[in-house]
Structure formats: structure tokens, C-alpha cells
Amino acid sequence: MRKIGEKLRTLRTRQKLTSRALGEILGVGNGHIIRIENGTKRPSIDLVAKIAQFFNVSTDQLIFDERELDDES
């Protein structure tokens, strides 16, 4: 089971995106992305929706620890 920040980092690195590039895509700063990935900040519902849409995953997969991402390495 993994937290949303760990899942976000996995999705971001699979796409070979930097935190800065992802932040620009999602309309937030790279520090915001880093804090989410490190678990020191929780994303808003709106940001969770944007992340899910961008990476084509369900919000359930991001939010709930027991919902893992498909094709995890």
C-alpha cells in the first residue's frame, strides 16, 4: 500500500517528467509537487482530479492506499 505522494512520484517518473515540468502542467509550483511527493502536503481535491486526468488513472487509485497503480514496477 502506498500513499498518494509515492504514487504521484511513480507516475511522474514513468513519464520522465521533472517536478517542475509536472507543476507547470498542473498549474502549481515544483515545490508543491515535491511536498506532496514527500508527504508533507496533501493535494486539494481539484489537484487530485487534475493529476488523475493527466495520468489517466482513477482518483480512487491515487487516494486510497489499498488501490494500487496498474503495471507497477
C-alpha atoms as a PDB file:
ATOM      1  CA  MET A   1       0.000   0.000   0.000  1.00  0.00           C
ATOM      2  CA  ARG A   2       1.327   3.395  -0.937  1.00  0.00           C
ATOM      3  CA  LYS A   3       0.408   6.956  -0.199  1.00  0.00           C
ATOM      4  CA  ILE A   4      -0.643   9.493  -2.806  1.00  0.00           C
ATOM      5  CA  GLY A   5       2.781  11.166  -2.818  1.00  0.00           C
ATOM      6  CA  GLU A   6       4.562   7.918  -3.579  1.00  0.00           C
ATOM      7  CA  LYS A   7       2.054   7.167  -6.325  1.00  0.00           C
ATOM      8  CA  LEU A   8       2.497  10.642  -7.790  1.00  0.00           C
ATOM      9  CA  ARG A   9       6.279  10.211  -7.855  1.00  0.00           C
ATOM     10  CA  THR A  10       5.881   6.840  -9.604  1.00  0.00           C
ATOM     11  CA  LEU A  11       3.548   8.298 -12.223  1.00  0.00           C
ATOM     12  CA  ARG A  12       5.771  11.332 -12.760  1.00  0.00           C
ATOM     13  CA  THR A  13       8.963   9.328 -13.169  1.00  0.00           C
ATOM     14  CA  ARG A  14       7.289   6.829 -15.505  1.00  0.00           C
ATOM     15  CA  GLN A  15       6.558   9.759 -17.809  1.00  0.00           C
ATOM     16  CA  LYS A  16      10.124  11.052 -17.326  1.00  0.00           C
ATOM     17  CA  LEU A  17       8.832  14.383 -16.050  1.00  0.00           C
ATOM     18  CA  THR A  18      10.611  16.631 -13.602  1.00  0.00           C
ATOM     19  CA  SER A  19       8.666  18.052 -10.683  1.00  0.00           C
ATOM     20  CA  ARG A  20       8.984  21.451 -12.350  1.00  0.00           C
ATOM     21  CA  ALA A  21       7.502  20.200 -15.642  1.00  0.00           C
ATOM     22  CA  LEU A  22       4.625  18.469 -13.870  1.00  0.00           C
ATOM     23  CA  GLY A  23       3.981  21.557 -11.780  1.00  0.00           C
ATOM     24  CA  GLU A  24       3.729  23.659 -14.922  1.00  0.00           C
ATOM     25  CA  ILE A  25       1.310  21.182 -16.485  1.00  0.00           C
ATOM     26  CA  LEU A  26      -0.861  21.117 -13.358  1.00  0.00           C
ATOM     27  CA  GLY A  27      -0.600  24.840 -12.641  1.00  0.00           C
ATOM     28  CA  VAL A  28       1.354  24.601  -9.379  1.00  0.00           C
ATOM     29  CA  GLY A  29       4.974  25.162  -8.393  1.00  0.00           C
ATOM     30  CA  ASN A  30       7.545  22.394  -8.359  1.00  0.00           C
ATOM     31  CA  GLY A  31       7.897  22.850  -4.583  1.00  0.00           C
ATOM     32  CA  HIS A  32       4.216  21.990  -4.239  1.00  0.00           C
ATOM     33  CA  ILE A  33       4.767  18.748  -6.194  1.00  0.00           C
ATOM     34  CA  ILE A  34       7.835  17.902  -4.108  1.00  0.00           C
ATOM     35  CA  ARG A  35       5.960  18.454  -0.820  1.00  0.00           C
ATOM     36  CA  ILE A  36       3.120  16.189  -1.992  1.00  0.00           C
ATOM     37  CA  GLU A  37       5.590  13.501  -3.033  1.00  0.00           C
ATOM     38  CA  ASN A  38       7.408  13.774   0.304  1.00  0.00           C
ATOM     39  CA  GLY A  39       4.152  13.530   2.229  1.00  0.00           C
ATOM     40  CA  THR A  40       4.391  16.939   3.882  1.00  0.00           C
ATOM     41  CA  LYS A  41       1.445  18.379   1.937  1.00  0.00           C
ATOM     42  CA  ARG A  42      -1.875  16.933   0.848  1.00  0.00           C
ATOM     43  CA  PRO A  43      -3.193  17.920  -2.565  1.00  0.00           C
ATOM     44  CA  SER A  44      -6.563  19.603  -2.924  1.00  0.00           C
ATOM     45  CA  ILE A  45      -9.456  17.684  -4.459  1.00  0.00           C
ATOM     46  CA  ASP A  46      -9.107  19.825  -7.587  1.00  0.00           C
ATOM     47  CA  LEU A  47      -5.432  18.939  -7.888  1.00  0.00           C
ATOM     48  CA  VAL A  48      -6.136  15.226  -7.337  1.00  0.00           C
ATOM     49  CA  ALA A  49      -8.632  15.412 -10.210  1.00  0.00           C
ATOM     50  CA  LYS A  50      -6.071  17.134 -12.454  1.00  0.00           C
ATOM     51  CA  ILE A  51      -3.416  14.542 -11.588  1.00  0.00           C
ATOM     52  CA  ALA A  52      -5.796  11.663 -12.283  1.00  0.00           C
ATOM     53  CA  GLN A  53      -6.886  13.150 -15.580  1.00  0.00           C
ATOM     54  CA  PHE A  54      -3.345  13.904 -16.736  1.00  0.00           C
ATOM     55  CA  PHE A  55      -2.018  10.429 -15.895  1.00  0.00           C
ATOM     56  CA  ASN A  56      -5.233   8.673 -16.960  1.00  0.00           C
ATOM     57  CA  VAL A  57      -5.779   6.925 -13.616  1.00  0.00           C
ATOM     58  CA  SER A  58      -8.775   6.981 -11.300  1.00  0.00           C
ATOM     59  CA  THR A  59      -8.911   9.260  -8.305  1.00  0.00           C
ATOM     60  CA  ASP A  60      -9.534   6.120  -6.219  1.00  0.00           C
ATOM     61  CA  GLN A  61      -6.164   4.762  -7.292  1.00  0.00           C
ATOM     62  CA  LEU A  62      -4.496   7.944  -6.087  1.00  0.00           C
ATOM     63  CA  ILE A  63      -6.397   8.498  -2.855  1.00  0.00           C
ATOM     64  CA  PHE A  64      -6.945   5.068  -1.337  1.00  0.00           C
ATOM     65  CA  ASP A  65      -3.871   3.244  -0.074  1.00  0.00           C
ATOM     66  CA  GLU A  66      -5.298  -0.143  -0.978  1.00  0.00           C
ATOM     67  CA  ARG A  67      -5.801   0.819  -4.655  1.00  0.00           C
ATOM     68  CA  GLU A  68      -2.511   0.250  -6.400  1.00  0.00           C
ATOM     69  CA  LEU A  69      -1.497   1.616  -9.783  1.00  0.00           C
ATOM     70  CA  ASP A  70      -1.628  -0.657 -12.797  1.00  0.00           C
ATOM     71  CA  ASP A  71       1.637  -2.116 -14.109  1.00  0.00           C
ATOM     72  CA  GLU A  72       3.707  -1.110 -11.108  1.00  0.00           C
ATOM     73  CA  SER A  73       7.413  -1.730 -11.323  1.00  0.00           C
END
